[in-house]
Amino acid sequence: QELIKAGFYRASGAMCGVVLEKHFTQVCFQHQITTKKKEPTISEFNDELKNAKVIDLATWRNIQLLGDLRNKCCHDKKVDPTKDDANDLLNGTKKIIKTVF
């Protein structure tokens, strides 16, 4: 939240991405889900969790959006993330870590 207040939208998005990936690592471990890659992306975690029926389709779609926003913050240098993008990613991350376990 402080990064967003200071106008560091990319940094906020990167931090949210790290939090999501760490959370999904724990969720997969708890459900004994193995991933194909040593360092999976949010999208790959998302697919594994949906296939294992840990999350439903609506949650899967929401996580896809969060992954897209994270990628916009971390990779897409042509388009800058907006304050709304950063807030959506932060709020979505908070929701996921509270509801997906």
C-alpha atoms as a PDB file:
ATOM      1  CA  GLN A   1       0.000   0.000   0.000  1.00  0.00           C
ATOM      2  CA  GLU A   2       2.844   2.384   0.844  1.00  0.00           C
ATOM      3  CA  LEU A   3       4.468   1.774  -2.547  1.00  0.00           C
ATOM      4  CA  ILE A   4       1.215   2.695  -4.267  1.00  0.00           C
ATOM      5  CA  LYS A   5       0.851   5.835  -2.157  1.00  0.00           C
ATOM      6  CA  ALA A   6       4.375   6.840  -3.216  1.00  0.00           C
ATOM      7  CA  GLY A   7       3.570   6.224  -6.896  1.00  0.00           C
ATOM      8  CA  PHE A   8       5.693   3.087  -7.278  1.00  0.00           C
ATOM      9  CA  TYR A   9       3.081   1.007  -9.100  1.00  0.00           C
ATOM     10  CA  ARG A  10       5.553  -1.374 -10.761  1.00  0.00           C
ATOM     11  CA  ALA A  11       7.277  -2.109  -7.456  1.00  0.00           C
ATOM     12  CA  SER A  12       3.946  -2.724  -5.760  1.00  0.00           C
ATOM     13  CA  GLY A  13       2.972  -5.124  -8.538  1.00  0.00           C
ATOM     14  CA  ALA A  14       6.270  -6.980  -8.264  1.00  0.00           C
ATOM     15  CA  MET A  15       5.798  -7.384  -4.512  1.00  0.00           C
ATOM     16  CA  CYS A  16       2.260  -8.692  -4.988  1.00  0.00           C
ATOM     17  CA  GLY A  17       3.569 -11.187  -7.544  1.00  0.00           C
ATOM     18  CA  VAL A  18       6.126 -12.493  -5.050  1.00  0.00           C
ATOM     19  CA  VAL A  19       3.455 -12.793  -2.358  1.00  0.00           C
ATOM     20  CA  LEU A  20       1.126 -14.706  -4.700  1.00  0.00           C
ATOM     21  CA  GLU A  21       3.853 -17.084  -5.877  1.00  0.00           C
ATOM     22  CA  LYS A  22       4.951 -17.782  -2.290  1.00  0.00           C
ATOM     23  CA  HIS A  23       1.340 -18.363  -1.228  1.00  0.00           C
ATOM     24  CA  PHE A  24       0.668 -20.710  -4.144  1.00  0.00           C
ATOM     25  CA  THR A  25       3.837 -22.647  -3.331  1.00  0.00           C
ATOM     26  CA  GLN A  26       2.456 -23.269   0.164  1.00  0.00           C
ATOM     27  CA  VAL A  27      -1.030 -24.156  -1.105  1.00  0.00           C
ATOM     28  CA  CYS A  28       0.404 -26.654  -3.589  1.00  0.00           C
ATOM     29  CA  PHE A  29       2.573 -28.178  -0.856  1.00  0.00           C
ATOM     30  CA  GLN A  30      -0.431 -28.529   1.473  1.00  0.00           C
ATOM     31  CA  HIS A  31      -2.441 -30.241  -1.261  1.00  0.00           C
ATOM     32  CA  GLN A  32       0.502 -32.370  -2.412  1.00  0.00           C
ATOM     33  CA  ILE A  33       0.413 -30.828  -5.879  1.00  0.00           C
ATOM     34  CA  THR A  34       3.630 -31.015  -7.841  1.00  0.00           C
ATOM     35  CA  THR A  35       4.359 -28.473 -10.536  1.00  0.00           C
ATOM     36  CA  LYS A  36       6.103 -29.214 -13.795  1.00  0.00           C
ATOM     37  CA  LYS A  37       8.633 -26.396 -13.452  1.00  0.00           C
ATOM     38  CA  LYS A  38      11.116 -25.721 -10.683  1.00  0.00           C
ATOM     39  CA  GLU A  39       9.958 -22.087 -10.516  1.00  0.00           C
ATOM     40  CA  PRO A  40       6.366 -21.947 -11.801  1.00  0.00           C
ATOM     41  CA  THR A  41       4.599 -18.735 -12.728  1.00  0.00           C
ATOM     42  CA  ILE A  42       1.318 -17.510 -11.290  1.00  0.00           C
ATOM     43  CA  SER A  43      -0.434 -18.863 -14.374  1.00  0.00           C
ATOM     44  CA  GLU A  44       1.123 -22.309 -13.970  1.00  0.00           C
ATOM     45  CA  PHE A  45       0.228 -22.464 -10.278  1.00  0.00           C
ATOM     46  CA  ASN A  46      -3.272 -21.336 -11.187  1.00  0.00           C
ATOM     47  CA  ASP A  47      -3.750 -24.124 -13.724  1.00  0.00           C
ATOM     48  CA  GLU A  48      -2.438 -26.762 -11.315  1.00  0.00           C
ATOM     49  CA  LEU A  49      -4.768 -25.587  -8.553  1.00  0.00           C
ATOM     50  CA  LYS A  50      -7.773 -25.601 -10.904  1.00  0.00           C
ATOM     51  CA  ASN A  51      -6.918 -29.059 -12.250  1.00  0.00           C
ATOM     52  CA  ALA A  52      -6.647 -30.366  -8.681  1.00  0.00           C
ATOM     53  CA  LYS A  53     -10.043 -28.781  -7.925  1.00  0.00           C
ATOM     54  CA  VAL A  54      -8.584 -26.618  -5.156  1.00  0.00           C
ATOM     55  CA  ILE A  55     -10.083 -23.534  -6.838  1.00  0.00           C
ATOM     56  CA  ASP A  56     -13.181 -23.066  -8.968  1.00  0.00           C
ATOM     57  CA  LEU A  57     -13.437 -21.473 -12.408  1.00  0.00           C
ATOM     58  CA  ALA A  58     -14.336 -18.003 -11.095  1.00  0.00           C
ATOM     59  CA  THR A  59     -11.317 -17.972  -8.775  1.00  0.00           C
ATOM     60  CA  TRP A  60      -9.125 -19.259 -11.618  1.00  0.00           C
ATOM     61  CA  ARG A  61     -10.273 -16.357 -13.817  1.00  0.00           C
ATOM     62  CA  ASN A  62      -9.603 -13.870 -11.036  1.00  0.00           C
ATOM     63  CA  ILE A  63      -6.088 -15.229 -10.539  1.00  0.00           C
ATOM     64  CA  GLN A  64      -5.492 -15.010 -14.308  1.00  0.00           C
ATOM     65  CA  LEU A  65      -6.332 -11.313 -14.119  1.00  0.00           C
ATOM     66  CA  LEU A  66      -3.962 -10.860 -11.179  1.00  0.00           C
ATOM     67  CA  GLY A  67      -1.220 -12.613 -13.136  1.00  0.00           C
ATOM     68  CA  ASP A  68      -1.837 -10.327 -16.110  1.00  0.00           C
ATOM     69  CA  LEU A  69      -1.647  -7.245 -13.895  1.00  0.00           C
ATOM     70  CA  ARG A  70       1.549  -8.539 -12.304  1.00  0.00           C
ATOM     71  CA  ASN A  71       3.048  -9.078 -15.771  1.00  0.00           C
ATOM     72  CA  LYS A  72       2.038  -5.557 -16.781  1.00  0.00           C
ATOM     73  CA  CYS A  73       3.919  -4.254 -13.745  1.00  0.00           C
ATOM     74  CA  CYS A  74       7.008  -6.399 -14.213  1.00  0.00           C
ATOM     75  CA  HIS A  75       7.409  -7.023 -17.939  1.00  0.00           C
ATOM     76  CA  ASP A  76       5.403  -4.719 -20.196  1.00  0.00           C
ATOM     77  CA  LYS A  77       7.582  -1.626 -20.524  1.00  0.00           C
ATOM     78  CA  LYS A  78       5.435  -0.147 -23.315  1.00  0.00           C
ATOM     79  CA  VAL A  79       2.445   0.467 -21.042  1.00  0.00           C
ATOM     80  CA  ASP A  80       2.835   1.754 -17.520  1.00  0.00           C
ATOM     81  CA  PRO A  81       0.591   0.251 -14.853  1.00  0.00           C
ATOM     82  CA  THR A  82      -1.921   2.679 -13.432  1.00  0.00           C
ATOM     83  CA  LYS A  83      -2.763   3.346  -9.819  1.00  0.00           C
ATOM     84  CA  ASP A  84      -5.989   1.400 -10.379  1.00  0.00           C
ATOM     85  CA  ASP A  85      -3.999  -1.560 -11.749  1.00  0.00           C
ATOM     86  CA  ALA A  86      -1.777  -1.545  -8.677  1.00  0.00           C
ATOM     87  CA  ASN A  87      -4.738  -1.243  -6.306  1.00  0.00           C
ATOM     88  CA  ASP A  88      -6.632  -4.037  -8.086  1.00  0.00           C
ATOM     89  CA  LEU A  89      -3.585  -6.285  -7.834  1.00  0.00           C
ATOM     90  CA  LEU A  90      -3.028  -5.461  -4.164  1.00  0.00           C
ATOM     91  CA  ASN A  91      -6.681  -5.998  -3.225  1.00  0.00           C
ATOM     92  CA  GLY A  92      -6.872  -9.178  -5.292  1.00  0.00           C
ATOM     93  CA  THR A  93      -3.723 -10.524  -3.652  1.00  0.00           C
ATOM     94  CA  LYS A  94      -5.163  -9.853  -0.206  1.00  0.00           C
ATOM     95  CA  LYS A  95      -8.360 -11.671  -1.152  1.00  0.00           C
ATOM     96  CA  ILE A  96      -6.559 -14.703  -2.578  1.00  0.00           C
ATOM     97  CA  ILE A  97      -4.306 -15.209   0.435  1.00  0.00           C
ATOM     98  CA  LYS A  98      -7.414 -15.083   2.670  1.00  0.00           C
ATOM     99  CA  THR A  99      -9.575 -17.431   0.605  1.00  0.00           C
ATOM    100  CA  VAL A 100      -7.304 -19.926  -1.186  1.00  0.00           C
ATOM    101  CA  PHE A 101      -5.649 -22.359   1.175  1.00  0.00           C
END
